[in-house]
Protein backbone atom coordinates (compact mmCIF):
# COMPACT_ATOMS: atom_id res chain seq x y z
CA MET A 1 -93.24 29.86 6.33
CA MET A 2 -92.65 26.43 7.89
CA THR A 3 -92.11 25.97 11.56
CA LYS A 4 -89.74 23.46 13.11
CA LYS A 5 -92.67 21.24 13.96
CA ASP A 6 -93.84 21.22 10.35
CA MET A 7 -90.35 20.34 9.10
CA LEU A 8 -90.01 17.48 11.58
CA LEU A 9 -93.43 16.05 10.78
CA GLU A 10 -93.07 16.42 7.03
CA PRO A 11 -93.28 12.98 5.34
CA ALA A 12 -90.26 13.65 3.11
CA GLY A 13 -88.12 14.36 6.17
CA LEU A 14 -89.26 11.15 7.84
CA ALA A 15 -88.68 9.06 4.72
CA ALA A 16 -85.13 10.36 4.35
CA ARG A 17 -84.09 9.01 7.75
CA LYS A 18 -82.28 5.66 7.84
CA PRO A 19 -83.69 2.86 9.95
CA ALA A 20 -81.72 2.71 13.20
CA GLY A 21 -81.85 -1.09 13.56
CA ALA A 22 -79.62 -2.15 10.67
CA ALA A 23 -77.17 0.73 11.06
CA GLY A 24 -76.89 0.10 14.80
CA ARG A 25 -76.10 -3.57 14.32
CA LEU A 26 -73.43 -2.83 11.74
CA SER A 27 -71.70 -0.24 13.87
CA ALA A 28 -71.83 -2.48 16.96
CA GLY A 29 -70.24 -5.33 15.01
CA ALA A 30 -67.53 -3.02 13.71
CA ALA A 31 -66.88 -1.73 17.22
CA LEU A 32 -66.59 -5.27 18.55
CA ARG A 33 -64.14 -6.23 15.81
CA GLY A 34 -62.12 -3.11 16.62
CA LEU A 35 -62.11 -4.04 20.30
CA ALA A 36 -60.95 -7.55 19.40
CA ARG A 37 -58.09 -6.07 17.36
CA LEU A 38 -57.12 -3.83 20.29
CA TYR A 39 -57.09 -6.76 22.73
CA GLY A 40 -55.17 -8.80 20.15
CA ASN A 41 -52.50 -6.12 19.88
CA LEU A 42 -52.22 -5.83 23.66
CA LEU A 43 -52.04 -9.59 24.23
CA GLU A 44 -49.95 -10.24 21.11
CA ARG A 45 -52.22 -13.03 19.89
CA GLU A 46 -55.31 -13.47 17.75
CA ILE A 47 -58.50 -12.55 19.65
CA THR A 48 -61.98 -13.31 18.31
CA PRO A 49 -64.92 -11.00 18.97
CA ARG A 50 -66.38 -13.59 21.38
CA GLN A 51 -63.13 -13.62 23.36
CA ALA A 52 -63.17 -9.81 23.38
CA LEU A 53 -66.64 -9.94 24.95
CA HIS A 54 -65.32 -12.31 27.64
CA LEU A 55 -62.43 -9.92 28.38
CA LEU A 56 -64.85 -6.99 28.55
CA HIS A 57 -67.08 -8.99 30.91
CA VAL A 58 -64.15 -9.56 33.29
CA GLN A 59 -63.30 -5.87 33.20
CA ALA A 60 -66.87 -4.89 34.03
CA ALA A 61 -67.01 -7.36 36.93
CA GLY A 62 -63.68 -6.12 38.26
CA ALA A 63 -64.80 -2.51 38.02
CA ALA A 64 -68.00 -3.32 39.90
CA LEU A 65 -65.96 -4.94 42.66
CA ALA A 66 -63.48 -2.07 42.83
CA LEU A 67 -66.03 0.72 43.20
CA PRO A 68 -65.11 2.77 46.27
CA PHE A 69 -68.61 2.89 47.71
CA ALA A 70 -69.56 1.49 51.09
CA VAL A 71 -71.95 -1.32 50.20
CA HIS A 72 -73.44 -4.26 52.02
CA ALA A 73 -71.15 -7.27 52.45
CA GLY A 74 -73.66 -9.41 50.52
CA LEU A 75 -73.31 -7.19 47.47
CA LEU A 76 -69.53 -7.40 47.70
CA ALA A 77 -69.77 -11.20 47.88
CA LEU A 78 -72.09 -11.18 44.85
CA ALA A 79 -69.65 -8.98 42.91
CA LEU A 80 -66.79 -11.30 43.88
CA CYS A 81 -68.75 -14.32 42.63
CA TRP A 82 -69.52 -12.45 39.41
CA LEU A 83 -65.82 -11.67 38.95
CA ALA A 84 -64.82 -15.29 39.62
CA LEU A 85 -67.39 -16.60 37.12
CA ALA A 86 -66.37 -14.06 34.47
CA ALA A 87 -62.68 -14.85 34.96
CA TRP A 88 -63.34 -18.59 34.69
CA GLN A 89 -65.35 -18.13 31.49
CA CYS A 90 -62.69 -15.84 30.03
CA ARG A 91 -59.87 -18.24 30.87
CA ARG A 92 -61.78 -21.12 29.30
CA SER A 93 -62.43 -19.00 26.20
CA LEU A 94 -58.78 -17.92 25.83
CA ARG A 95 -57.30 -21.37 26.45
CA ALA A 96 -55.52 -22.68 23.39
CA PRO A 97 -57.31 -25.60 21.74
CA ARG A 98 -55.75 -28.92 22.60
CA ALA A 99 -54.26 -30.85 19.70
């Protein structure tokens, strides 16, 4: 009778597992494309995956600034600078190309 340990350490069981690296990259790319489609539907324009990352960056910076914790004023200033930088990068990314 095999124990759980024997089944986990069995070479056939290890060989049947897929490598996590390639599958992880594919699913992350698909998730990013899905996020870009979601932002595109919300903004009613075409959004690239890079622009979706910029929008996500602004959201993360805004969430960090809006946390309801009492923190040092220096950290709030740092979060405000982060938000300003992220917003500037996002605006530059979303700006329509000039003809």
